[in-house]
Amino acid sequence: MAAATSHQSVIDMVLAAGSVAKGVLVFLLLFSIISWAIMIFKWISFRRIRLANDDFNQIFMKNKSLDGIFNASKGMRGTSSIVRVFLSGYAEFESEFRASNTDIQMEENRRFFLEKIDGIARSMERATAQEVTILERYLFFLATAGSTAPFIGLFGTVWGIMESFRSIGLTASANIAVVAPGIAEALIATAAGLITAVPAVIGYNYFVQKTKVFGTEMDNFTLDFLSLIEKNFVKR
């Protein structure tokens, strides 16, 4: 019962707050809702990508034929970031090697292979950069919410304290009963700013770290893909 009363008193203070304080709280509420929506969306997306990448890695490790890997990965393009990097490298491989019908097994064509493999690597690096950009999408809002929400809350607090001092001047009384309600209302804005900022900062750091992991995995896959081409098409 005591907890319910305390909770109700906070609601009463919010309802009794001035227009500026209410505006600050509404603004922070919108920040919080959008931040949580982004974090939930990102968590679902990253989990889907992780599962798809793991499935494709199993295919890649078990099947050493590029055509076999390509056929097995067709249905995974929409979910796996590594598949999209693979398809980019595979398309470049098709245009550089098979379209030219060059026998790169021959010693005199080794230089041709080394030149063309750079084109495949660059194509896969571009695809990796695009995937990282997609993974980072919307994270800027979490960073913005995490860095600005405390200051927005502080603005509401400062404004509320100013209003409390103005009330003291109007009533010509510094009684705690006069000052305390206004100070309490002001501090709610600071608390709201922190409640908005802390989850946003945690979510931002978490998803940035996950993005770096995905980026490293795509870079490593590029090296594995180029190594597979060399093993299959160049005999030393």
Protein backbone atom coordinates (compact mmCIF):
# COMPACT_ATOMS: atom_id res chain seq x y z
CA MET A 1 0.00 0.00 0.00
CA ALA A 2 2.85 2.36 0.83
CA ALA A 3 4.47 1.68 -2.52
CA ALA A 4 1.24 2.47 -4.33
CA THR A 5 0.86 5.74 -2.41
CA SER A 6 4.42 6.76 -3.21
CA HIS A 7 3.91 5.95 -6.85
CA GLN A 8 0.70 7.95 -6.95
CA SER A 9 2.42 10.96 -5.35
CA VAL A 10 5.02 10.96 -8.15
CA ILE A 11 2.23 10.94 -10.72
CA ASP A 12 0.53 13.79 -8.88
CA MET A 13 3.75 15.82 -8.98
CA VAL A 14 4.12 15.20 -12.70
CA LEU A 15 0.52 16.26 -13.33
CA ALA A 16 0.98 19.35 -11.19
CA ALA A 17 4.22 20.36 -12.91
CA GLY A 18 4.44 23.39 -15.14
CA SER A 19 4.17 23.34 -18.90
CA VAL A 20 7.94 23.46 -19.41
CA ALA A 21 8.55 20.53 -17.06
CA LYS A 22 5.77 18.53 -18.73
CA GLY A 23 7.24 19.30 -22.13
CA VAL A 24 10.65 18.05 -20.98
CA LEU A 25 9.12 14.84 -19.62
CA VAL A 26 7.13 14.22 -22.80
CA PHE A 27 10.25 14.79 -24.88
CA LEU A 28 12.23 12.33 -22.75
CA LEU A 29 9.39 9.81 -22.95
CA LEU A 30 9.50 9.95 -26.76
CA PHE A 31 13.28 9.53 -26.66
CA SER A 32 12.89 6.49 -24.41
CA ILE A 33 10.18 4.85 -26.54
CA ILE A 34 12.15 5.30 -29.76
CA SER A 35 15.36 4.06 -28.11
CA TRP A 36 13.72 0.90 -26.82
CA ALA A 37 12.06 0.30 -30.20
CA ILE A 38 15.46 0.56 -31.92
CA MET A 39 17.11 -1.75 -29.39
CA ILE A 40 14.41 -4.40 -29.76
CA PHE A 41 14.54 -4.14 -33.56
CA LYS A 42 18.33 -4.38 -33.56
CA TRP A 43 18.38 -7.32 -31.18
CA ILE A 44 15.98 -9.27 -33.40
CA SER A 45 17.91 -8.32 -36.56
CA PHE A 46 21.32 -9.17 -35.10
CA ARG A 47 20.06 -12.50 -33.78
CA ARG A 48 18.65 -13.39 -37.21
CA ILE A 49 21.95 -12.43 -38.86
CA ARG A 50 23.93 -14.45 -36.33
CA LEU A 51 21.90 -17.61 -36.92
CA ALA A 52 22.07 -17.20 -40.71
CA ASN A 53 25.82 -16.54 -40.65
CA ASP A 54 26.42 -19.63 -38.54
CA ASP A 55 24.38 -21.74 -40.96
CA PHE A 56 26.30 -20.40 -43.95
CA ASN A 57 29.66 -20.93 -42.27
CA GLN A 58 28.73 -24.59 -41.83
CA ILE A 59 27.90 -24.80 -45.53
CA PHE A 60 31.14 -23.08 -46.48
CA MET A 61 33.27 -25.36 -44.30
CA LYS A 62 31.66 -28.57 -45.55
CA ASN A 63 31.40 -27.70 -49.25
CA LYS A 64 34.64 -26.76 -51.01
CA SER A 65 32.98 -26.22 -54.39
CA LEU A 66 32.19 -22.59 -55.16
CA ASP A 67 29.21 -23.59 -57.28
CA GLY A 68 27.90 -25.82 -54.51
CA ILE A 69 28.26 -23.03 -51.96
CA PHE A 70 26.55 -20.61 -54.33
CA ASN A 71 23.58 -22.93 -54.88
CA ALA A 72 23.21 -23.62 -51.16
CA SER A 73 23.31 -19.93 -50.25
CA LYS A 74 20.69 -18.61 -52.68
CA GLY A 75 17.89 -18.62 -50.12
CA MET A 76 20.00 -16.95 -47.43
CA ARG A 77 20.74 -13.66 -49.17
CA GLY A 78 18.10 -11.74 -47.24
CA THR A 79 19.27 -12.79 -43.77
CA SER A 80 23.02 -13.40 -43.77
CA SER A 81 25.55 -10.60 -44.09
CA ILE A 82 28.34 -13.05 -44.93
CA VAL A 83 26.25 -14.53 -47.76
CA ARG A 84 25.93 -11.10 -49.35
CA VAL A 85 29.71 -10.64 -49.10
CA PHE A 86 30.18 -14.09 -50.63
CA LEU A 87 27.80 -13.35 -53.50
CA SER A 88 29.65 -10.13 -54.22
CA GLY A 89 32.96 -11.99 -54.42
CA TYR A 90 31.40 -14.83 -56.42
CA ALA A 91 29.95 -12.43 -58.99
CA GLU A 92 33.34 -10.77 -59.39
CA PHE A 93 34.98 -14.18 -59.69
CA GLU A 94 32.55 -15.16 -62.46
CA SER A 95 33.27 -12.01 -64.44
CA GLU A 96 37.04 -12.03 -63.92
CA PHE A 97 37.92 -15.69 -64.41
CA ARG A 98 35.22 -17.78 -66.00
CA ALA A 99 34.06 -15.10 -68.45
CA SER A 100 37.63 -14.76 -69.75
CA ASN A 101 38.15 -18.54 -69.96
CA THR A 102 41.72 -18.07 -68.81
CA ASP A 103 43.66 -21.16 -67.75
CA ILE A 104 45.22 -19.87 -64.57
CA GLN A 105 46.78 -23.25 -63.94
CA MET A 106 49.46 -22.27 -66.43
CA GLU A 107 52.58 -20.72 -64.99
CA GLU A 108 52.51 -17.71 -67.33
CA ASN A 109 49.02 -16.82 -66.14
CA ARG A 110 49.85 -16.67 -62.41
CA ARG A 111 50.33 -12.90 -62.70
CA PHE A 112 46.88 -12.67 -64.25
CA PHE A 113 45.48 -14.46 -61.23
CA LEU A 114 47.20 -12.13 -58.77
CA GLU A 115 45.87 -9.08 -60.59
CA LYS A 116 42.31 -10.38 -60.76
CA ILE A 117 42.24 -11.58 -57.17
CA ASP A 118 42.75 -7.96 -56.08
CA GLY A 119 39.53 -7.07 -57.89
CA ILE A 120 37.64 -9.78 -56.03
CA ALA A 121 39.10 -8.63 -52.71
CA ARG A 122 38.08 -5.02 -53.36
CA SER A 123 34.57 -6.11 -54.33
CA MET A 124 34.19 -8.06 -51.09
CA GLU A 125 35.63 -5.17 -49.06
CA ARG A 126 33.02 -2.85 -50.56
CA ALA A 127 30.29 -5.36 -49.71
CA THR A 128 31.61 -5.61 -46.15
CA ALA A 129 31.59 -1.82 -45.80
CA GLN A 130 27.98 -1.74 -47.01
CA GLU A 131 26.98 -4.44 -44.54
CA VAL A 132 28.64 -2.58 -41.66
CA THR A 133 26.77 0.57 -42.68
CA ILE A 134 23.49 -1.37 -42.56
CA LEU A 135 24.36 -2.83 -39.15
CA GLU A 136 25.12 0.67 -37.81
CA ARG A 137 21.81 2.07 -39.04
CA TYR A 138 19.80 3.86 -36.31
CA LEU A 139 22.57 3.49 -33.74
CA PHE A 140 23.23 7.22 -33.99
CA PHE A 141 19.89 7.82 -32.30
CA LEU A 142 20.92 5.70 -29.31
CA ALA A 143 24.14 7.69 -29.07
CA THR A 144 22.21 10.95 -29.31
CA ALA A 145 19.68 9.90 -26.68
CA GLY A 146 22.40 8.69 -24.34
CA SER A 147 24.40 11.89 -24.58
CA THR A 148 21.60 14.49 -24.61
CA ALA A 149 18.86 13.03 -22.37
CA PRO A 150 20.69 13.86 -19.09
CA PHE A 151 21.14 17.47 -20.20
CA ILE A 152 17.49 17.74 -21.22
CA GLY A 153 16.54 16.41 -17.80
CA LEU A 154 18.95 18.84 -16.18
CA PHE A 155 17.29 21.68 -18.07
CA GLY A 156 13.94 20.62 -16.60
CA THR A 157 15.50 20.51 -13.14
CA VAL A 158 17.05 23.96 -13.45
CA TRP A 159 13.78 25.37 -14.71
CA GLY A 160 11.89 23.79 -11.81
CA ILE A 161 14.35 25.19 -9.27
CA MET A 162 13.97 28.62 -10.84
CA GLU A 163 10.21 28.32 -10.46
CA SER A 164 10.66 27.27 -6.81
CA PHE A 165 12.74 30.33 -6.07
CA ARG A 166 10.20 32.50 -7.85
CA SER A 167 7.51 31.01 -5.59
CA ILE A 168 9.64 31.87 -2.56
CA GLY A 169 9.85 35.46 -3.77
CA LEU A 170 6.12 35.69 -4.35
CA THR A 171 5.16 34.17 -0.99
CA ALA A 172 8.02 35.84 0.90
CA SER A 173 8.52 32.54 2.72
CA ALA A 174 11.36 30.03 2.58
CA ASN A 175 9.44 27.42 4.51
CA ILE A 176 10.38 23.87 3.53
CA ALA A 177 6.72 23.10 2.88
CA VAL A 178 6.74 25.78 0.19
CA VAL A 179 10.07 24.86 -1.41
CA ALA A 180 10.04 21.06 -1.21
CA PRO A 181 7.24 20.30 -3.73
CA GLY A 182 8.85 22.44 -6.43
CA ILE A 183 12.30 20.91 -5.85
CA ALA A 184 10.83 17.42 -5.95
CA GLU A 185 9.10 18.16 -9.25
CA ALA A 186 12.36 19.54 -10.63
CA LEU A 187 14.36 16.47 -9.67
CA ILE A 188 11.89 14.21 -11.48
CA ALA A 189 13.20 15.64 -14.74
CA THR A 190 16.76 14.66 -13.84
CA ALA A 191 15.65 11.15 -12.93
CA ALA A 192 13.72 10.88 -16.21
CA GLY A 193 16.80 11.98 -18.15
CA LEU A 194 18.94 9.32 -16.50
CA ILE A 195 16.30 6.62 -16.99
CA THR A 196 16.23 7.51 -20.69
CA ALA A 197 19.99 7.80 -21.14
CA VAL A 198 21.33 4.74 -19.32
CA PRO A 199 19.56 2.05 -21.41
CA ALA A 200 20.37 3.97 -24.60
CA VAL A 201 24.09 4.09 -23.76
CA ILE A 202 24.16 0.41 -22.81
CA GLY A 203 22.32 -0.53 -26.01
CA TYR A 204 24.58 1.63 -28.16
CA ASN A 205 27.79 0.12 -26.73
CA TYR A 206 26.38 -3.40 -27.04
CA PHE A 207 25.35 -3.07 -30.69
CA VAL A 208 28.55 -1.24 -31.67
CA GLN A 209 30.55 -4.13 -30.22
CA LYS A 210 28.37 -6.65 -32.08
CA THR A 211 28.82 -4.68 -35.30
CA LYS A 212 32.61 -4.85 -34.89
CA VAL A 213 32.37 -8.61 -34.40
CA PHE A 214 30.30 -9.00 -37.57
CA GLY A 215 32.74 -6.79 -39.47
CA THR A 216 35.71 -8.88 -38.33
CA GLU A 217 33.91 -12.08 -39.31
CA MET A 218 33.23 -10.71 -42.80
CA ASP A 219 36.88 -9.67 -43.17
CA ASN A 220 38.01 -13.14 -42.11
CA PHE A 221 35.56 -14.73 -44.51
CA THR A 222 36.99 -12.67 -47.37
CA LEU A 223 40.42 -14.16 -46.66
CA ASP A 224 38.95 -17.68 -46.51
CA PHE A 225 37.12 -17.12 -49.81
CA LEU A 226 40.25 -15.90 -51.59
CA SER A 227 42.21 -18.82 -50.16
CA LEU A 228 39.57 -21.24 -51.47
CA ILE A 229 39.83 -19.76 -54.97
CA GLU A 230 43.60 -20.09 -54.91
CA LYS A 231 43.45 -23.70 -53.74
CA ASN A 232 40.90 -24.69 -56.38
CA PHE A 233 42.23 -22.83 -59.39
CA VAL A 234 45.95 -22.39 -58.88
CA LYS A 235 48.32 -25.32 -58.50
CA ARG A 236 51.69 -24.44 -57.08
